[in-house]
Each structure stands twice: as structure tokens, then as C-alpha cells.
Amino acid sequence: MDPSADEAWMQRALALAEHAERADDEIPVGAVLVDAAGEVIGEGWNRNIADHDPTAHAEIMAMRAAGRRLGNHRLVGCTLYVTLEPCAMCAMAMVHARIARLVYAARDPKTGAAGSVFDLLADPRHNHRVAVQGGVLADEAGTRLSNYFRRKRGKSPLA
């Protein structure tokens, strides 16, 4: 768990979040899935608006890509980097995929399921636990998200 590596992978997730906003006017959330050897096996960004798919969150898109690449629905030993704390749907998908570790940037005080509103990943009733590290590049991710919604409401961006 190298903090500099976590920041580097989160920078990639932030670039994917920027792509989501710039290319598709999606809520800017990006995700990168890295295997135990440090190789990217899946990437994703929010696509639910463009794809008319309520399940097309960045985390789900990255896990789908990794599953196809590995030919397996289990993503054992992998770390998922995402710019926003996962919702309940994405958290449970991580449990089912057997993700080893989640690293997220900004907390989600409305629907966060990795400790903010719910703590699904630490629930002892599951047969798998996901280690969680939050707050990596949180300010940058949070500002990007806030400015997206401020723009939608016709307000000036935050510095």
C-alpha cells in the first residue's frame, strides 16, 4: 500500500472523470482497476446518462472490463481506484467480485456505502471483506464534482 502509487492511480481515475464530463457531460467519476502485479486490467467512467443504464457507474464499467479481460467474474487481489466513494450497488458488486482493496477520493455524504452513509464493505455478515482507504486526492475530486453541479445550476465554479 504505497501512498505514492495510490496517488498516481488516482490521478488516472481523475483523468477518466474529466473525460466523462468533457466527452459525455456525465457526472465526473472515474475508476481504475489494478491487479496485484500493478497492471491496469479495467477502466471506466460514468456512462449511465449516455448509455441510458442506471448500472453504468464508473466502478461497474471498470469491473466489467476487467472481467472480460480476465475471463472471470472474480477479481481477486485487485485494487479499485475511484474518484467518489461507491454507492451501495457498486460496493456490493465489489464484494461479489472479491475486490481486495478500494481506494477512493471524495466521500459521498448522500449515498456513500464505504463508511459515509452505509458501511457495506466492512459488514461482518459478508463472506468477503474489502479493505478501504478513503481521501486520496479528495480535494481535487470533490472540487471537480462540485463544479460540475454548480455549472448545471448556472453558478460560478469554485477555485
C-alpha atoms as a PDB file:
ATOM      1  CA  MET A   1       0.000   0.000   0.000  1.00  0.00           C
ATOM      2  CA  ASP A   2       2.314   2.682  -1.359  1.00  0.00           C
ATOM      3  CA  PRO A   3       0.768   6.160  -0.933  1.00  0.00           C
ATOM      4  CA  SER A   4       2.606   7.494  -3.998  1.00  0.00           C
ATOM      5  CA  ALA A   5       1.258   4.618  -6.115  1.00  0.00           C
ATOM      6  CA  ASP A   6      -2.242   5.264  -4.766  1.00  0.00           C
ATOM      7  CA  GLU A   7      -1.950   8.918  -5.785  1.00  0.00           C
ATOM      8  CA  ALA A   8      -0.645   8.001  -9.242  1.00  0.00           C
ATOM      9  CA  TRP A   9      -3.533   5.607  -9.893  1.00  0.00           C
ATOM     10  CA  MET A  10      -5.998   8.158  -8.527  1.00  0.00           C
ATOM     11  CA  GLN A  11      -4.582  10.712 -10.966  1.00  0.00           C
ATOM     12  CA  ARG A  12      -5.513   8.288 -13.761  1.00  0.00           C
ATOM     13  CA  ALA A  13      -9.012   7.897 -12.293  1.00  0.00           C
ATOM     14  CA  LEU A  14      -9.331  11.703 -12.169  1.00  0.00           C
ATOM     15  CA  ALA A  15      -8.358  11.883 -15.851  1.00  0.00           C
ATOM     16  CA  LEU A  16     -11.136   9.392 -16.628  1.00  0.00           C
ATOM     17  CA  ALA A  17     -13.565  11.501 -14.590  1.00  0.00           C
ATOM     18  CA  GLU A  18     -12.566  14.531 -16.648  1.00  0.00           C
ATOM     19  CA  HIS A  19     -13.195  12.519 -19.815  1.00  0.00           C
ATOM     20  CA  ALA A  20     -16.679  11.574 -18.591  1.00  0.00           C
ATOM     21  CA  GLU A  21     -17.567  15.208 -18.080  1.00  0.00           C
ATOM     22  CA  ARG A  22     -15.885  16.587 -21.213  1.00  0.00           C
ATOM     23  CA  ALA A  23     -16.914  13.902 -23.709  1.00  0.00           C
ATOM     24  CA  ASP A  24     -20.348  12.879 -22.449  1.00  0.00           C
ATOM     25  CA  ASP A  25     -21.435  15.563 -19.945  1.00  0.00           C
ATOM     26  CA  GLU A  26     -21.628  12.787 -17.352  1.00  0.00           C
ATOM     27  CA  ILE A  27     -21.115  13.249 -13.623  1.00  0.00           C
ATOM     28  CA  PRO A  28     -17.290  13.234 -13.415  1.00  0.00           C
ATOM     29  CA  VAL A  29     -16.461   9.923 -11.761  1.00  0.00           C
ATOM     30  CA  GLY A  30     -13.617   7.711 -12.990  1.00  0.00           C
ATOM     31  CA  ALA A  31     -12.344   4.304 -11.906  1.00  0.00           C
ATOM     32  CA  VAL A  32      -9.205   2.237 -12.499  1.00  0.00           C
ATOM     33  CA  LEU A  33      -8.867  -1.431 -11.541  1.00  0.00           C
ATOM     34  CA  VAL A  34      -5.314  -2.648 -10.944  1.00  0.00           C
ATOM     35  CA  ASP A  35      -4.279  -6.275 -10.403  1.00  0.00           C
ATOM     36  CA  ALA A  36      -1.873  -7.498  -7.718  1.00  0.00           C
ATOM     37  CA  ALA A  37       1.071  -7.117 -10.123  1.00  0.00           C
ATOM     38  CA  GLY A  38       0.267  -3.426 -10.650  1.00  0.00           C
ATOM     39  CA  GLU A  39      -1.204  -3.769 -14.135  1.00  0.00           C
ATOM     40  CA  VAL A  40      -4.367  -1.957 -15.205  1.00  0.00           C
ATOM     41  CA  ILE A  41      -6.988  -4.552 -16.076  1.00  0.00           C
ATOM     42  CA  GLY A  42     -10.036  -2.309 -16.302  1.00  0.00           C
ATOM     43  CA  GLU A  43     -11.009   1.339 -16.552  1.00  0.00           C
ATOM     44  CA  GLY A  44     -14.332   3.092 -16.539  1.00  0.00           C
ATOM     45  CA  TRP A  45     -16.161   6.346 -16.147  1.00  0.00           C
ATOM     46  CA  ASN A  46     -19.785   7.177 -15.546  1.00  0.00           C
ATOM     47  CA  ARG A  47     -21.870   6.209 -18.585  1.00  0.00           C
ATOM     48  CA  ASN A  48     -25.348   5.902 -17.068  1.00  0.00           C
ATOM     49  CA  ILE A  49     -26.740   9.001 -18.824  1.00  0.00           C
ATOM     50  CA  ALA A  50     -25.168   8.293 -22.231  1.00  0.00           C
ATOM     51  CA  ASP A  51     -25.980   4.568 -22.119  1.00  0.00           C
ATOM     52  CA  HIS A  52     -29.438   5.003 -20.538  1.00  0.00           C
ATOM     53  CA  ASP A  53     -28.247   2.471 -17.974  1.00  0.00           C
ATOM     54  CA  PRO A  54     -28.645   3.070 -14.239  1.00  0.00           C
ATOM     55  CA  THR A  55     -25.934   0.480 -13.531  1.00  0.00           C
ATOM     56  CA  ALA A  56     -23.264   2.088 -15.733  1.00  0.00           C
ATOM     57  CA  HIS A  57     -21.318   3.697 -12.878  1.00  0.00           C
ATOM     58  CA  ALA A  58     -17.551   4.098 -13.278  1.00  0.00           C
ATOM     59  CA  GLU A  59     -16.789   1.225 -10.875  1.00  0.00           C
ATOM     60  CA  ILE A  60     -19.148  -1.167 -12.648  1.00  0.00           C
ATOM     61  CA  MET A  61     -17.710  -0.242 -16.049  1.00  0.00           C
ATOM     62  CA  ALA A  62     -14.151  -0.902 -14.786  1.00  0.00           C
ATOM     63  CA  MET A  63     -15.137  -4.236 -13.229  1.00  0.00           C
ATOM     64  CA  ARG A  64     -16.958  -5.300 -16.404  1.00  0.00           C
ATOM     65  CA  ALA A  65     -13.879  -4.500 -18.492  1.00  0.00           C
ATOM     66  CA  ALA A  66     -11.623  -6.418 -16.088  1.00  0.00           C
ATOM     67  CA  GLY A  67     -13.942  -9.418 -16.008  1.00  0.00           C
ATOM     68  CA  ARG A  68     -13.949  -9.580 -19.810  1.00  0.00           C
ATOM     69  CA  ARG A  69     -10.171  -9.203 -19.924  1.00  0.00           C
ATOM     70  CA  LEU A  70      -9.570 -11.931 -17.333  1.00  0.00           C
ATOM     71  CA  GLY A  71     -12.406 -14.158 -18.481  1.00  0.00           C
ATOM     72  CA  ASN A  72     -13.589 -14.339 -14.871  1.00  0.00           C
ATOM     73  CA  HIS A  73     -16.165 -12.627 -12.686  1.00  0.00           C
ATOM     74  CA  ARG A  74     -13.799 -12.852  -9.704  1.00  0.00           C
ATOM     75  CA  LEU A  75     -11.257 -10.055  -9.452  1.00  0.00           C
ATOM     76  CA  VAL A  76      -9.228 -11.487  -6.594  1.00  0.00           C
ATOM     77  CA  GLY A  77      -6.265  -9.458  -5.374  1.00  0.00           C
ATOM     78  CA  CYS A  78      -7.261  -6.318  -7.287  1.00  0.00           C
ATOM     79  CA  THR A  79      -7.436  -2.711  -6.120  1.00  0.00           C
ATOM     80  CA  LEU A  80     -10.148  -0.403  -7.382  1.00  0.00           C
ATOM     81  CA  TYR A  81      -9.358   3.317  -7.506  1.00  0.00           C
ATOM     82  CA  VAL A  82     -12.403   5.576  -7.838  1.00  0.00           C
ATOM     83  CA  THR A  83     -12.844   9.330  -7.555  1.00  0.00           C
ATOM     84  CA  LEU A  84     -16.052   9.156  -5.476  1.00  0.00           C
ATOM     85  CA  GLU A  85     -16.988   6.867  -2.615  1.00  0.00           C
ATOM     86  CA  PRO A  86     -19.035   3.994  -4.090  1.00  0.00           C
ATOM     87  CA  CYS A  87     -22.794   3.674  -3.739  1.00  0.00           C
ATOM     88  CA  ALA A  88     -24.464   0.544  -2.347  1.00  0.00           C
ATOM     89  CA  MET A  89     -24.783  -1.066  -5.794  1.00  0.00           C
ATOM     90  CA  CYS A  90     -21.099  -0.631  -6.574  1.00  0.00           C
ATOM     91  CA  ALA A  91     -19.996  -1.663  -3.077  1.00  0.00           C
ATOM     92  CA  MET A  92     -21.904  -4.919  -3.287  1.00  0.00           C
ATOM     93  CA  ALA A  93     -20.538  -5.595  -6.773  1.00  0.00           C
ATOM     94  CA  MET A  94     -17.045  -5.257  -5.255  1.00  0.00           C
ATOM     95  CA  VAL A  95     -17.899  -7.793  -2.564  1.00  0.00           C
ATOM     96  CA  HIS A  96     -19.249 -10.248  -5.150  1.00  0.00           C
ATOM     97  CA  ALA A  97     -16.173  -9.720  -7.369  1.00  0.00           C
ATOM     98  CA  ARG A  98     -13.852 -10.296  -4.379  1.00  0.00           C
ATOM     99  CA  ILE A  99     -12.019  -6.996  -4.866  1.00  0.00           C
ATOM    100  CA  ALA A 100      -9.177  -6.879  -2.318  1.00  0.00           C
ATOM    101  CA  ARG A 101      -8.947  -3.150  -1.819  1.00  0.00           C
ATOM    102  CA  LEU A 102     -10.850   0.047  -2.563  1.00  0.00           C
ATOM    103  CA  VAL A 103      -9.144   3.433  -2.710  1.00  0.00           C
ATOM    104  CA  TYR A 104     -11.467   6.375  -3.190  1.00  0.00           C
ATOM    105  CA  ALA A 105     -11.043  10.147  -3.291  1.00  0.00           C
ATOM    106  CA  ALA A 106     -14.100  12.153  -2.205  1.00  0.00           C
ATOM    107  CA  ARG A 107     -16.623  10.983   0.368  1.00  0.00           C
ATOM    108  CA  ASP A 108     -20.268  10.851  -0.696  1.00  0.00           C
ATOM    109  CA  PRO A 109     -22.377  12.183   2.182  1.00  0.00           C
ATOM    110  CA  LYS A 110     -25.640  11.317   0.397  1.00  0.00           C
ATOM    111  CA  THR A 111     -25.185   7.747  -0.867  1.00  0.00           C
ATOM    112  CA  GLY A 112     -21.684   6.631   0.143  1.00  0.00           C
ATOM    113  CA  ALA A 113     -21.537   2.959   1.069  1.00  0.00           C
ATOM    114  CA  ALA A 114     -17.914   2.685   2.225  1.00  0.00           C
ATOM    115  CA  GLY A 115     -18.399   4.425   5.557  1.00  0.00           C
ATOM    116  CA  SER A 116     -20.158   7.748   4.934  1.00  0.00           C
ATOM    117  CA  VAL A 117     -23.832   6.730   4.927  1.00  0.00           C
ATOM    118  CA  PHE A 118     -23.529   2.939   4.877  1.00  0.00           C
ATOM    119  CA  ASP A 119     -20.545   0.719   5.608  1.00  0.00           C
ATOM    120  CA  LEU A 120     -21.358  -2.248   3.397  1.00  0.00           C
ATOM    121  CA  LEU A 121     -17.756  -3.204   2.717  1.00  0.00           C
ATOM    122  CA  ALA A 122     -16.994  -3.776   6.400  1.00  0.00           C
ATOM    123  CA  ASP A 123     -20.199  -5.638   7.236  1.00  0.00           C
ATOM    124  CA  PRO A 124     -19.160  -8.867   9.003  1.00  0.00           C
ATOM    125  CA  ARG A 125     -22.132 -10.759   7.543  1.00  0.00           C
ATOM    126  CA  HIS A 126     -20.468 -10.879   4.112  1.00  0.00           C
ATOM    127  CA  ASN A 127     -18.204 -13.771   3.182  1.00  0.00           C
ATOM    128  CA  HIS A 128     -15.631 -11.298   1.823  1.00  0.00           C
ATOM    129  CA  ARG A 129     -14.230  -8.011   3.136  1.00  0.00           C
ATOM    130  CA  VAL A 130     -12.768  -5.216   1.064  1.00  0.00           C
ATOM    131  CA  ALA A 131     -10.029  -3.081   2.630  1.00  0.00           C
ATOM    132  CA  VAL A 132     -10.890   0.606   2.273  1.00  0.00           C
ATOM    133  CA  GLN A 133      -8.722   3.716   2.013  1.00  0.00           C
ATOM    134  CA  GLY A 134     -10.560   6.992   1.510  1.00  0.00           C
ATOM    135  CA  GLY A 135      -9.474  10.564   0.968  1.00  0.00           C
ATOM    136  CA  VAL A 136      -6.748  10.103  -1.669  1.00  0.00           C
ATOM    137  CA  LEU A 137      -6.772  13.365  -3.676  1.00  0.00           C
ATOM    138  CA  ALA A 138     -10.180  14.091  -2.158  1.00  0.00           C
ATOM    139  CA  ASP A 139      -9.992  17.866  -2.581  1.00  0.00           C
ATOM    140  CA  GLU A 140      -9.334  17.654  -6.310  1.00  0.00           C
ATOM    141  CA  ALA A 141     -12.107  15.109  -6.859  1.00  0.00           C
ATOM    142  CA  GLY A 142     -14.539  16.985  -4.644  1.00  0.00           C
ATOM    143  CA  THR A 143     -13.926  20.294  -6.404  1.00  0.00           C
ATOM    144  CA  ARG A 144     -14.439  18.669  -9.812  1.00  0.00           C
ATOM    145  CA  LEU A 145     -17.751  17.171  -8.673  1.00  0.00           C
ATOM    146  CA  SER A 146     -18.921  20.408  -7.025  1.00  0.00           C
ATOM    147  CA  ASN A 147     -18.062  22.450 -10.108  1.00  0.00           C
ATOM    148  CA  TYR A 148     -19.950  20.030 -12.367  1.00  0.00           C
ATOM    149  CA  PHE A 149     -23.128  20.533 -10.344  1.00  0.00           C
ATOM    150  CA  ARG A 150     -22.503  24.279  -9.960  1.00  0.00           C
ATOM    151  CA  ARG A 151     -22.240  24.567 -13.731  1.00  0.00           C
ATOM    152  CA  LYS A 152     -25.508  22.641 -14.135  1.00  0.00           C
ATOM    153  CA  ARG A 153     -27.166  25.145 -11.772  1.00  0.00           C
ATOM    154  CA  GLY A 154     -25.685  28.188 -13.548  1.00  0.00           C
ATOM    155  CA  LYS A 155     -23.328  29.071 -10.680  1.00  0.00           C
ATOM    156  CA  SER A 156     -19.710  30.121 -10.939  1.00  0.00           C
ATOM    157  CA  PRO A 157     -17.071  27.443 -10.293  1.00  0.00           C
ATOM    158  CA  LEU A 158     -15.121  27.081  -7.071  1.00  0.00           C
ATOM    159  CA  ALA A 159     -11.427  27.968  -7.169  1.00  0.00           C
END
